[in-house]
Amino acid sequence: MVQFVHPATQDITLAGVLSALADPTRLKIVKGLIGQQDCMSCTAAAPCPDMAKSTLSNHFRVLRESGLIHTTKQGVEHRNAVRDADIEARFPGLLKSILEHAKDD
């Protein structure tokens, strides 16, 4: 069984969140995931459909280990959701502000 590393809310760091979101691809992934009713699979959330799966997997790993997303496995798919409540609890207004200011990117 696949075990994913998800930091506890209190272990999410500002440096980790900002570092993860500094990459344009990861920022696009989070933008694609935010506000989704259902968790999205890695391939559905990917901003670059031609990206190598290993590269995409690395982006999701960085987002997961920074505390920005939560990943579960359903069958052969990895399903992802933004941990917006955890980020909001840890850093109120941060994610909303970043996403609002990154609209043009």
PDB file of N, CA and C in Angstrom:
ATOM      1  N   MET A   1       0.846  -1.183   0.000  1.00  0.00           N
ATOM      2  CA  MET A   1       0.000   0.000   0.000  1.00  0.00           C
ATOM      3  C   MET A   1       0.888   1.242   0.000  1.00  0.00           C
ATOM      4  N   VAL A   2       0.504   2.239  -0.776  1.00  0.00           N
ATOM      5  CA  VAL A   2       1.272   3.472  -0.892  1.00  0.00           C
ATOM      6  C   VAL A   2       1.005   4.352   0.325  1.00  0.00           C
ATOM      7  N   GLN A   3       2.081   4.800   0.948  1.00  0.00           N
ATOM      8  CA  GLN A   3       1.965   5.730   2.060  1.00  0.00           C
ATOM      9  C   GLN A   3       2.480   7.087   1.606  1.00  0.00           C
ATOM     10  N   PHE A   4       1.696   8.119   1.805  1.00  0.00           N
ATOM     11  CA  PHE A   4       2.091   9.458   1.424  1.00  0.00           C
ATOM     12  C   PHE A   4       2.476  10.250   2.662  1.00  0.00           C
ATOM     13  N   VAL A   5       3.471  11.116   2.514  1.00  0.00           N
ATOM     14  CA  VAL A   5       3.908  11.982   3.598  1.00  0.00           C
ATOM     15  C   VAL A   5       3.071  13.250   3.561  1.00  0.00           C
ATOM     16  N   HIS A   6       2.340  13.500   4.647  1.00  0.00           N
ATOM     17  CA  HIS A   6       1.539  14.707   4.784  1.00  0.00           C
ATOM     18  C   HIS A   6       1.892  15.326   6.134  1.00  0.00           C
ATOM     19  N   PRO A   7       2.508  16.495   6.137  1.00  0.00           N
ATOM     20  CA  PRO A   7       2.848  17.095   7.426  1.00  0.00           C
ATOM     21  C   PRO A   7       1.587  17.482   8.203  1.00  0.00           C
ATOM     22  N   ALA A   8       1.684  17.411   9.517  1.00  0.00           N
ATOM     23  CA  ALA A   8       0.585  17.882  10.360  1.00  0.00           C
ATOM     24  C   ALA A   8       0.452  19.392  10.161  1.00  0.00           C
ATOM     25  N   THR A   9      -0.727  19.912  10.420  1.00  0.00           N
ATOM     26  CA  THR A   9      -0.976  21.341  10.214  1.00  0.00           C
ATOM     27  C   THR A   9       0.075  22.191  10.898  1.00  0.00           C
ATOM     28  N   GLN A  10       0.412  21.880  12.131  1.00  0.00           N
ATOM     29  CA  GLN A  10       1.383  22.688  12.873  1.00  0.00           C
ATOM     30  C   GLN A  10       2.797  22.567  12.314  1.00  0.00           C
ATOM     31  N   ASP A  11       3.049  21.572  11.474  1.00  0.00           N
ATOM     32  CA  ASP A  11       4.378  21.383  10.881  1.00  0.00           C
ATOM     33  C   ASP A  11       4.520  22.021   9.504  1.00  0.00           C
ATOM     34  N   ILE A  12       3.458  22.606   8.983  1.00  0.00           N
ATOM     35  CA  ILE A  12       3.520  23.297   7.695  1.00  0.00           C
ATOM     36  C   ILE A  12       4.269  24.611   7.916  1.00  0.00           C
ATOM     37  N   THR A  13       5.304  24.849   7.121  1.00  0.00           N
ATOM     38  CA  THR A  13       6.110  26.052   7.294  1.00  0.00           C
ATOM     39  C   THR A  13       5.837  27.059   6.185  1.00  0.00           C
ATOM     40  N   LEU A  14       6.016  28.321   6.524  1.00  0.00           N
ATOM     41  CA  LEU A  14       5.863  29.383   5.546  1.00  0.00           C
ATOM     42  C   LEU A  14       6.884  29.216   4.426  1.00  0.00           C
ATOM     43  N   ALA A  15       8.115  28.903   4.784  1.00  0.00           N
ATOM     44  CA  ALA A  15       9.165  28.710   3.781  1.00  0.00           C
ATOM     45  C   ALA A  15       8.814  27.570   2.832  1.00  0.00           C
ATOM     46  N   GLY A  16       8.270  26.491   3.356  1.00  0.00           N
ATOM     47  CA  GLY A  16       7.897  25.349   2.523  1.00  0.00           C
ATOM     48  C   GLY A  16       6.777  25.676   1.566  1.00  0.00           C
ATOM     49  N   VAL A  17       5.763  26.388   2.049  1.00  0.00           N
ATOM     50  CA  VAL A  17       4.631  26.778   1.200  1.00  0.00           C
ATOM     51  C   VAL A  17       5.093  27.727   0.105  1.00  0.00           C
ATOM     52  N   LEU A  18       5.848  28.751   0.494  1.00  0.00           N
ATOM     53  CA  LEU A  18       6.302  29.734  -0.494  1.00  0.00           C
ATOM     54  C   LEU A  18       7.252  29.114  -1.510  1.00  0.00           C
ATOM     55  N   SER A  19       8.117  28.233  -1.054  1.00  0.00           N
ATOM     56  CA  SER A  19       9.046  27.560  -1.964  1.00  0.00           C
ATOM     57  C   SER A  19       8.292  26.694  -2.971  1.00  0.00           C
ATOM     58  N   ALA A  20       7.298  25.968  -2.498  1.00  0.00           N
ATOM     59  CA  ALA A  20       6.515  25.106  -3.394  1.00  0.00           C
ATOM     60  C   ALA A  20       5.762  25.932  -4.421  1.00  0.00           C
ATOM     61  N   LEU A  21       5.199  27.050  -3.998  1.00  0.00           N
ATOM     62  CA  LEU A  21       4.407  27.876  -4.908  1.00  0.00           C
ATOM     63  C   LEU A  21       5.255  28.789  -5.789  1.00  0.00           C
ATOM     64  N   ALA A  22       6.553  28.855  -5.534  1.00  0.00           N
ATOM     65  CA  ALA A  22       7.436  29.686  -6.357  1.00  0.00           C
ATOM     66  C   ALA A  22       7.611  29.100  -7.753  1.00  0.00           C
ATOM     67  N   ASP A  23       7.375  27.811  -7.899  1.00  0.00           N
ATOM     68  CA  ASP A  23       7.487  27.174  -9.208  1.00  0.00           C
ATOM     69  C   ASP A  23       6.186  27.391  -9.979  1.00  0.00           C
ATOM     70  N   PRO A  24       6.260  27.931 -11.206  1.00  0.00           N
ATOM     71  CA  PRO A  24       5.040  28.214 -11.974  1.00  0.00           C
ATOM     72  C   PRO A  24       4.157  26.998 -12.232  1.00  0.00           C
ATOM     73  N   THR A  25       4.756  25.844 -12.439  1.00  0.00           N
ATOM     74  CA  THR A  25       3.964  24.636 -12.681  1.00  0.00           C
ATOM     75  C   THR A  25       3.188  24.250 -11.433  1.00  0.00           C
ATOM     76  N   ARG A  26       3.835  24.292 -10.289  1.00  0.00           N
ATOM     77  CA  ARG A  26       3.142  23.936  -9.044  1.00  0.00           C
ATOM     78  C   ARG A  26       2.058  24.957  -8.708  1.00  0.00           C
ATOM     79  N   LEU A  27       2.311  26.221  -8.992  1.00  0.00           N
ATOM     80  CA  LEU A  27       1.300  27.248  -8.769  1.00  0.00           C
ATOM     81  C   LEU A  27       0.078  26.968  -9.644  1.00  0.00           C
ATOM     82  N   LYS A  28       0.305  26.577 -10.902  1.00  0.00           N
ATOM     83  CA  LYS A  28      -0.802  26.246 -11.800  1.00  0.00           C
ATOM     84  C   LYS A  28      -1.568  25.019 -11.309  1.00  0.00           C
ATOM     85  N   ILE A  29      -0.862  24.048 -10.768  1.00  0.00           N
ATOM     86  CA  ILE A  29      -1.521  22.855 -10.233  1.00  0.00           C
ATOM     87  C   ILE A  29      -2.445  23.246  -9.088  1.00  0.00           C
ATOM     88  N   VAL A  30      -1.942  24.054  -8.160  1.00  0.00           N
ATOM     89  CA  VAL A  30      -2.767  24.476  -7.015  1.00  0.00           C
ATOM     90  C   VAL A  30      -3.960  25.291  -7.497  1.00  0.00           C
ATOM     91  N   LYS A  31      -3.745  26.183  -8.458  1.00  0.00           N
ATOM     92  CA  LYS A  31      -4.859  26.954  -9.020  1.00  0.00           C
ATOM     93  C   LYS A  31      -5.912  26.022  -9.616  1.00  0.00           C
ATOM     94  N   GLY A  32      -5.469  24.960 -10.280  1.00  0.00           N
ATOM     95  CA  GLY A  32      -6.395  24.002 -10.882  1.00  0.00           C
ATOM     96  C   GLY A  32      -7.154  23.187  -9.856  1.00  0.00           C
ATOM     97  N   LEU A  33      -6.537  22.950  -8.717  1.00  0.00           N
ATOM     98  CA  LEU A  33      -7.161  22.133  -7.687  1.00  0.00           C
ATOM     99  C   LEU A  33      -8.074  22.932  -6.761  1.00  0.00           C
ATOM    100  N   ILE A  34      -7.748  24.201  -6.542  1.00  0.00           N
ATOM    101  CA  ILE A  34      -8.478  24.993  -5.543  1.00  0.00           C
ATOM    102  C   ILE A  34      -9.956  25.117  -5.922  1.00  0.00           C
ATOM    103  N   GLY A  35     -10.799  24.913  -4.958  1.00  0.00           N
ATOM    104  CA  GLY A  35     -12.228  25.076  -5.170  1.00  0.00           C
ATOM    105  C   GLY A  35     -12.905  23.925  -5.884  1.00  0.00           C
ATOM    106  N   GLN A  36     -12.183  22.861  -6.176  1.00  0.00           N
ATOM    107  CA  GLN A  36     -12.791  21.710  -6.835  1.00  0.00           C
ATOM    108  C   GLN A  36     -13.648  20.946  -5.838  1.00  0.00           C
ATOM    109  N   GLN A  37     -14.810  20.509  -6.277  1.00  0.00           N
ATOM    110  CA  GLN A  37     -15.691  19.716  -5.431  1.00  0.00           C
ATOM    111  C   GLN A  37     -15.057  18.361  -5.126  1.00  0.00           C
ATOM    112  N   ASP A  38     -14.557  17.726  -6.183  1.00  0.00           N
ATOM    113  CA  ASP A  38     -13.920  16.421  -6.034  1.00  0.00           C
ATOM    114  C   ASP A  38     -12.416  16.597  -6.078  1.00  0.00           C
ATOM    115  N   CYS A  39     -11.733  15.683  -5.451  1.00  0.00           N
ATOM    116  CA  CYS A  39     -10.283  15.651  -5.589  1.00  0.00           C
ATOM    117  C   CYS A  39      -9.978  15.324  -7.046  1.00  0.00           C
ATOM    118  N   MET A  40      -8.885  15.830  -7.526  1.00  0.00           N
ATOM    119  CA  MET A  40      -8.522  15.571  -8.917  1.00  0.00           C
ATOM    120  C   MET A  40      -7.332  14.622  -8.977  1.00  0.00           C
ATOM    121  N   SER A  41      -7.287  13.858 -10.046  1.00  0.00           N
ATOM    122  CA  SER A  41      -6.143  12.985 -10.250  1.00  0.00           C
ATOM    123  C   SER A  41      -4.971  13.829 -10.721  1.00  0.00           C
ATOM    124  N   CYS A  42      -3.781  13.294 -10.604  1.00  0.00           N
ATOM    125  CA  CYS A  42      -2.578  14.011 -11.025  1.00  0.00           C
ATOM    126  C   CYS A  42      -2.679  14.443 -12.477  1.00  0.00           C
ATOM    127  N   THR A  43      -3.155  13.564 -13.330  1.00  0.00           N
ATOM    128  CA  THR A  43      -3.201  13.896 -14.750  1.00  0.00           C
ATOM    129  C   THR A  43      -4.262  14.945 -15.047  1.00  0.00           C
ATOM    130  N   ALA A  44      -5.386  14.923 -14.343  1.00  0.00           N
ATOM    131  CA  ALA A  44      -6.436  15.911 -14.577  1.00  0.00           C
ATOM    132  C   ALA A  44      -6.035  17.293 -14.083  1.00  0.00           C
ATOM    133  N   ALA A  45      -5.194  17.339 -13.056  1.00  0.00           N
ATOM    134  CA  ALA A  45      -4.800  18.622 -12.473  1.00  0.00           C
ATOM    135  C   ALA A  45      -3.558  19.204 -13.131  1.00  0.00           C
ATOM    136  N   ALA A  46      -2.938  18.453 -13.999  1.00  0.00           N
ATOM    137  CA  ALA A  46      -1.674  18.882 -14.587  1.00  0.00           C
ATOM    138  C   ALA A  46      -1.865  19.998 -15.596  1.00  0.00           C
ATOM    139  N   PRO A  47      -1.088  21.071 -15.478  1.00  0.00           N
ATOM    140  CA  PRO A  47      -1.205  22.174 -16.425  1.00  0.00           C
ATOM    141  C   PRO A  47      -0.513  21.886 -17.755  1.00  0.00           C
ATOM    142  N   CYS A  48       0.336  20.881 -17.780  1.00  0.00           N
ATOM    143  CA  CYS A  48       1.108  20.558 -18.988  1.00  0.00           C
ATOM    144  C   CYS A  48       0.903  19.091 -19.323  1.00  0.00           C
ATOM    145  N   PRO A  49      -0.052  18.783 -20.211  1.00  0.00           N
ATOM    146  CA  PRO A  49      -0.353  17.378 -20.494  1.00  0.00           C
ATOM    147  C   PRO A  49       0.811  16.610 -21.122  1.00  0.00           C
ATOM    148  N   ASP A  50       1.775  17.316 -21.728  1.00  0.00           N
ATOM    149  CA  ASP A  50       2.908  16.633 -22.345  1.00  0.00           C
ATOM    150  C   ASP A  50       4.085  16.431 -21.385  1.00  0.00           C
ATOM    151  N   MET A  51       3.919  16.845 -20.143  1.00  0.00           N
ATOM    152  CA  MET A  51       4.989  16.724 -19.158  1.00  0.00           C
ATOM    153  C   MET A  51       5.214  15.254 -18.805  1.00  0.00           C
ATOM    154  N   ALA A  52       6.465  14.885 -18.635  1.00  0.00           N
ATOM    155  CA  ALA A  52       6.795  13.512 -18.244  1.00  0.00           C
ATOM    156  C   ALA A  52       6.145  13.188 -16.902  1.00  0.00           C
ATOM    157  N   LYS A  53       5.646  11.971 -16.772  1.00  0.00           N
ATOM    158  CA  LYS A  53       4.976  11.572 -15.531  1.00  0.00           C
ATOM    159  C   LYS A  53       5.898  11.687 -14.330  1.00  0.00           C
ATOM    160  N   SER A  54       7.179  11.405 -14.513  1.00  0.00           N
ATOM    161  CA  SER A  54       8.114  11.506 -13.391  1.00  0.00           C
ATOM    162  C   SER A  54       8.268  12.952 -12.931  1.00  0.00           C
ATOM    163  N   THR A  55       8.270  13.889 -13.866  1.00  0.00           N
ATOM    164  CA  THR A  55       8.366  15.306 -13.521  1.00  0.00           C
ATOM    165  C   THR A  55       7.097  15.749 -12.810  1.00  0.00           C
ATOM    166  N   LEU A  56       5.962  15.347 -13.332  1.00  0.00           N
ATOM    167  CA  LEU A  56       4.684  15.681 -12.715  1.00  0.00           C
ATOM    168  C   LEU A  56       4.584  15.087 -11.309  1.00  0.00           C
ATOM    169  N   SER A  57       5.013  13.858 -11.158  1.00  0.00           N
ATOM    170  CA  SER A  57       4.996  13.215  -9.840  1.00  0.00           C
ATOM    171  C   SER A  57       5.855  13.980  -8.845  1.00  0.00           C
ATOM    172  N   ASN A  58       6.980  14.479  -9.307  1.00  0.00           N
ATOM    173  CA  ASN A  58       7.854  15.253  -8.431  1.00  0.00           C
ATOM    174  C   ASN A  58       7.153  16.543  -7.982  1.00  0.00           C
ATOM    175  N   HIS A  59       6.459  17.218  -8.898  1.00  0.00           N
ATOM    176  CA  HIS A  59       5.738  18.437  -8.525  1.00  0.00           C
ATOM    177  C   HIS A  59       4.682  18.138  -7.461  1.00  0.00           C
ATOM    178  N   PHE A  60       3.944  17.056  -7.633  1.00  0.00           N
ATOM    179  CA  PHE A  60       2.931  16.697  -6.648  1.00  0.00           C
ATOM    180  C   PHE A  60       3.571  16.310  -5.317  1.00  0.00           C
ATOM    181  N   ARG A  61       4.720  15.663  -5.354  1.00  0.00           N
ATOM    182  CA  ARG A  61       5.430  15.309  -4.116  1.00  0.00           C
ATOM    183  C   ARG A  61       5.823  16.563  -3.350  1.00  0.00           C
ATOM    184  N   VAL A  62       6.370  17.552  -4.054  1.00  0.00           N
ATOM    185  CA  VAL A  62       6.769  18.803  -3.402  1.00  0.00           C
ATOM    186  C   VAL A  62       5.551  19.486  -2.784  1.00  0.00           C
ATOM    187  N   LEU A  63       4.451  19.549  -3.517  1.00  0.00           N
ATOM    188  CA  LEU A  63       3.229  20.160  -2.989  1.00  0.00           C
ATOM    189  C   LEU A  63       2.711  19.404  -1.768  1.00  0.00           C
ATOM    190  N   ARG A  64       2.761  18.087  -1.826  1.00  0.00           N
ATOM    191  CA  ARG A  64       2.289  17.256  -0.720  1.00  0.00           C
ATOM    192  C   ARG A  64       3.177  17.429   0.513  1.00  0.00           C
ATOM    193  N   GLU A  65       4.492  17.378   0.326  1.00  0.00           N
ATOM    194  CA  GLU A  65       5.409  17.472   1.456  1.00  0.00           C
ATOM    195  C   GLU A  65       5.454  18.872   2.065  1.00  0.00           C
ATOM    196  N   SER A  66       5.071  19.880   1.288  1.00  0.00           N
ATOM    197  CA  SER A  66       5.011  21.236   1.831  1.00  0.00           C
ATOM    198  C   SER A  66       3.727  21.455   2.633  1.00  0.00           C
ATOM    199  N   GLY A  67       2.767  20.543   2.482  1.00  0.00           N
ATOM    200  CA  GLY A  67       1.502  20.652   3.191  1.00  0.00           C
ATOM    201  C   GLY A  67       0.398  21.304   2.386  1.00  0.00           C
ATOM    202  N   LEU A  68       0.659  21.612   1.121  1.00  0.00           N
ATOM    203  CA  LEU A  68      -0.343  22.295   0.298  1.00  0.00           C
ATOM    204  C   LEU A  68      -1.442  21.382  -0.215  1.00  0.00           C
ATOM    205  N   ILE A  69      -1.130  20.129  -0.470  1.00  0.00           N
ATOM    206  CA  ILE A  69      -2.154  19.211  -0.975  1.00  0.00           C
ATOM    207  C   ILE A  69      -2.182  17.928  -0.147  1.00  0.00           C
ATOM    208  N   HIS A  70      -3.298  17.251  -0.236  1.00  0.00           N
ATOM    209  CA  HIS A  70      -3.462  15.935   0.391  1.00  0.00           C
ATOM    210  C   HIS A  70      -3.718  14.945  -0.731  1.00  0.00           C
ATOM    211  N   THR A  71      -2.995  13.849  -0.733  1.00  0.00           N
ATOM    212  CA  THR A  71      -3.110  12.842  -1.786  1.00  0.00           C
ATOM    213  C   THR A  71      -3.607  11.530  -1.199  1.00  0.00           C
ATOM    214  N   THR A  72      -4.571  10.939  -1.877  1.00  0.00           N
ATOM    215  CA  THR A  72      -5.050   9.606  -1.525  1.00  0.00           C
ATOM    216  C   THR A  72      -4.993   8.749  -2.778  1.00  0.00           C
ATOM    217  N   LYS A  73      -5.008   7.460  -2.591  1.00  0.00           N
ATOM    218  CA  LYS A  73      -4.986   6.559  -3.732  1.00  0.00           C
ATOM    219  C   LYS A  73      -6.344   5.888  -3.853  1.00  0.00           C
ATOM    220  N   GLN A  74      -6.926   5.969  -5.060  1.00  0.00           N
ATOM    221  CA  GLN A  74      -8.178   5.276  -5.369  1.00  0.00           C
ATOM    222  C   GLN A  74      -7.902   4.405  -6.578  1.00  0.00           C
ATOM    223  N   GLY A  75      -7.831   3.119  -6.358  1.00  0.00           N
ATOM    224  CA  GLY A  75      -7.478   2.210  -7.446  1.00  0.00           C
ATOM    225  C   GLY A  75      -6.067   2.521  -7.913  1.00  0.00           C
ATOM    226  N   VAL A  76      -5.930   2.867  -9.190  1.00  0.00           N
ATOM    227  CA  VAL A  76      -4.611   3.191  -9.732  1.00  0.00           C
ATOM    228  C   VAL A  76      -4.366   4.694  -9.779  1.00  0.00           C
ATOM    229  N   GLU A  77      -5.371   5.483  -9.387  1.00  0.00           N
ATOM    230  CA  GLU A  77      -5.244   6.935  -9.444  1.00  0.00           C
ATOM    231  C   GLU A  77      -4.825   7.525  -8.104  1.00  0.00           C
ATOM    232  N   HIS A  78      -4.037   8.566  -8.172  1.00  0.00           N
ATOM    233  CA  HIS A  78      -3.719   9.364  -7.003  1.00  0.00           C
ATOM    234  C   HIS A  78      -4.623  10.589  -7.063  1.00  0.00           C
ATOM    235  N   ARG A  79      -5.436  10.767  -6.042  1.00  0.00           N
ATOM    236  CA  ARG A  79      -6.398  11.876  -5.991  1.00  0.00           C
ATOM    237  C   ARG A  79      -5.839  12.960  -5.080  1.00  0.00           C
ATOM    238  N   ASN A  80      -5.978  14.217  -5.497  1.00  0.00           N
ATOM    239  CA  ASN A  80      -5.366  15.338  -4.790  1.00  0.00           C
ATOM    240  C   ASN A  80      -6.382  16.417  -4.467  1.00  0.00           C
ATOM    241  N   ALA A  81      -6.213  17.024  -3.311  1.00  0.00           N
ATOM    242  CA  ALA A  81      -7.048  18.148  -2.896  1.00  0.00           C
ATOM    243  C   ALA A  81      -6.166  19.139  -2.160  1.00  0.00           C
ATOM    244  N   VAL A  82      -6.442  20.425  -2.357  1.00  0.00           N
ATOM    245  CA  VAL A  82      -5.702  21.466  -1.653  1.00  0.00           C
ATOM    246  C   VAL A  82      -6.131  21.439  -0.186  1.00  0.00           C
ATOM    247  N   ARG A  83      -5.157  21.557   0.696  1.00  0.00           N
ATOM    248  CA  ARG A  83      -5.432  21.593   2.134  1.00  0.00           C
ATOM    249  C   ARG A  83      -5.692  23.045   2.548  1.00  0.00           C
ATOM    250  N   ASP A  84      -6.655  23.666   1.898  1.00  0.00           N
ATOM    251  CA  ASP A  84      -6.877  25.089   2.127  1.00  0.00           C
ATOM    252  C   ASP A  84      -7.268  25.400   3.570  1.00  0.00           C
ATOM    253  N   ALA A  85      -8.023  24.540   4.230  1.00  0.00           N
ATOM    254  CA  ALA A  85      -8.384  24.789   5.635  1.00  0.00           C
ATOM    255  C   ALA A  85      -7.147  24.750   6.525  1.00  0.00           C
ATOM    256  N   ASP A  86      -6.248  23.809   6.267  1.00  0.00           N
ATOM    257  CA  ASP A  86      -5.018  23.716   7.060  1.00  0.00           C
ATOM    258  C   ASP A  86      -4.106  24.912   6.813  1.00  0.00           C
ATOM    259  N   ILE A  87      -3.987  25.319   5.554  1.00  0.00           N
ATOM    260  CA  ILE A  87      -3.146  26.475   5.225  1.00  0.00           C
ATOM    261  C   ILE A  87      -3.755  27.736   5.837  1.00  0.00           C
ATOM    262  N   GLU A  88      -5.061  27.858   5.766  1.00  0.00           N
ATOM    263  CA  GLU A  88      -5.747  29.025   6.344  1.00  0.00           C
ATOM    264  C   GLU A  88      -5.571  29.056   7.859  1.00  0.00           C
ATOM    265  N   ALA A  89      -5.648  27.900   8.503  1.00  0.00           N
ATOM    266  CA  ALA A  89      -5.466  27.837   9.953  1.00  0.00           C
ATOM    267  C   ALA A  89      -4.041  28.229  10.343  1.00  0.00           C
ATOM    268  N   ARG A  90      -3.095  27.820   9.541  1.00  0.00           N
ATOM    269  CA  ARG A  90      -1.675  28.077   9.850  1.00  0.00           C
ATOM    270  C   ARG A  90      -1.255  29.487   9.457  1.00  0.00           C
ATOM    271  N   PHE A  91      -1.688  29.939   8.277  1.00  0.00           N
ATOM    272  CA  PHE A  91      -1.292  31.250   7.737  1.00  0.00           C
ATOM    273  C   PHE A  91      -2.532  31.938   7.152  1.00  0.00           C
ATOM    274  N   PRO A  92      -3.354  32.565   8.002  1.00  0.00           N
ATOM    275  CA  PRO A  92      -4.614  33.155   7.541  1.00  0.00           C
ATOM    276  C   PRO A  92      -4.422  34.120   6.369  1.00  0.00           C
ATOM    277  N   GLY A  93      -5.191  33.877   5.313  1.00  0.00           N
ATOM    278  CA  GLY A  93      -5.196  34.750   4.150  1.00  0.00           C
ATOM    279  C   GLY A  93      -4.062  34.548   3.167  1.00  0.00           C
ATOM    280  N   LEU A  94      -3.070  33.746   3.502  1.00  0.00           N
ATOM    281  CA  LEU A  94      -1.884  33.598   2.649  1.00  0.00           C
ATOM    282  C   LEU A  94      -2.209  33.004   1.287  1.00  0.00           C
ATOM    283  N   LEU A  95      -2.845  31.854   1.263  1.00  0.00           N
ATOM    284  CA  LEU A  95      -3.097  31.174  -0.007  1.00  0.00           C
ATOM    285  C   LEU A  95      -4.022  32.001  -0.895  1.00  0.00           C
ATOM    286  N   LYS A  96      -5.055  32.562  -0.317  1.00  0.00           N
ATOM    287  CA  LYS A  96      -5.980  33.403  -1.080  1.00  0.00           C
ATOM    288  C   LYS A  96      -5.231  34.584  -1.697  1.00  0.00           C
ATOM    289  N   SER A  97      -4.396  35.217  -0.910  1.00  0.00           N
ATOM    290  CA  SER A  97      -3.641  36.375  -1.396  1.00  0.00           C
ATOM    291  C   SER A  97      -2.685  35.992  -2.518  1.00  0.00           C
ATOM    292  N   ILE A  98      -1.980  34.896  -2.349  1.00  0.00           N
ATOM    293  CA  ILE A  98      -1.042  34.445  -3.386  1.00  0.00           C
ATOM    294  C   ILE A  98      -1.797  34.149  -4.681  1.00  0.00           C
ATOM    295  N   LEU A  99      -2.887  33.419  -4.586  1.00  0.00           N
ATOM    296  CA  LEU A  99      -3.643  33.051  -5.780  1.00  0.00           C
ATOM    297  C   LEU A  99      -4.272  34.264  -6.456  1.00  0.00           C
ATOM    298  N   GLU A 100      -4.731  35.230  -5.682  1.00  0.00           N
ATOM    299  CA  GLU A 100      -5.288  36.454  -6.267  1.00  0.00           C
ATOM    300  C   GLU A 100      -4.227  37.254  -7.010  1.00  0.00           C
ATOM    301  N   HIS A 101      -3.049  37.351  -6.430  1.00  0.00           N
ATOM    302  CA  HIS A 101      -1.981  38.138  -7.040  1.00  0.00           C
ATOM    303  C   HIS A 101      -1.284  37.424  -8.186  1.00  0.00           C
ATOM    304  N   ALA A 102      -1.506  36.135  -8.286  1.00  0.00           N
ATOM    305  CA  ALA A 102      -0.857  35.355  -9.347  1.00  0.00           C
ATOM    306  C   ALA A 102      -1.800  35.120 -10.531  1.00  0.00           C
ATOM    307  N   LYS A 103      -2.910  35.847 -10.602  1.00  0.00           N
ATOM    308  CA  LYS A 103      -3.884  35.643 -11.675  1.00  0.00           C
ATOM    309  C   LYS A 103      -3.292  35.847 -13.053  1.00  0.00           C
ATOM    310  N   ASP A 104      -2.390  36.774 -13.183  1.00  0.00           N
ATOM    311  CA  ASP A 104      -1.833  37.105 -14.506  1.00  0.00           C
ATOM    312  C   ASP A 104      -0.680  36.200 -14.907  1.00  0.00           C
ATOM    313  N   ASP A 105      -0.210  35.375 -14.002  1.00  0.00           N
ATOM    314  CA  ASP A 105       0.950  34.518 -14.313  1.00  0.00           C
ATOM    315  C   ASP A 105       0.544  33.307 -15.103  1.00  0.00           C
TER     316      ASP A 105
END
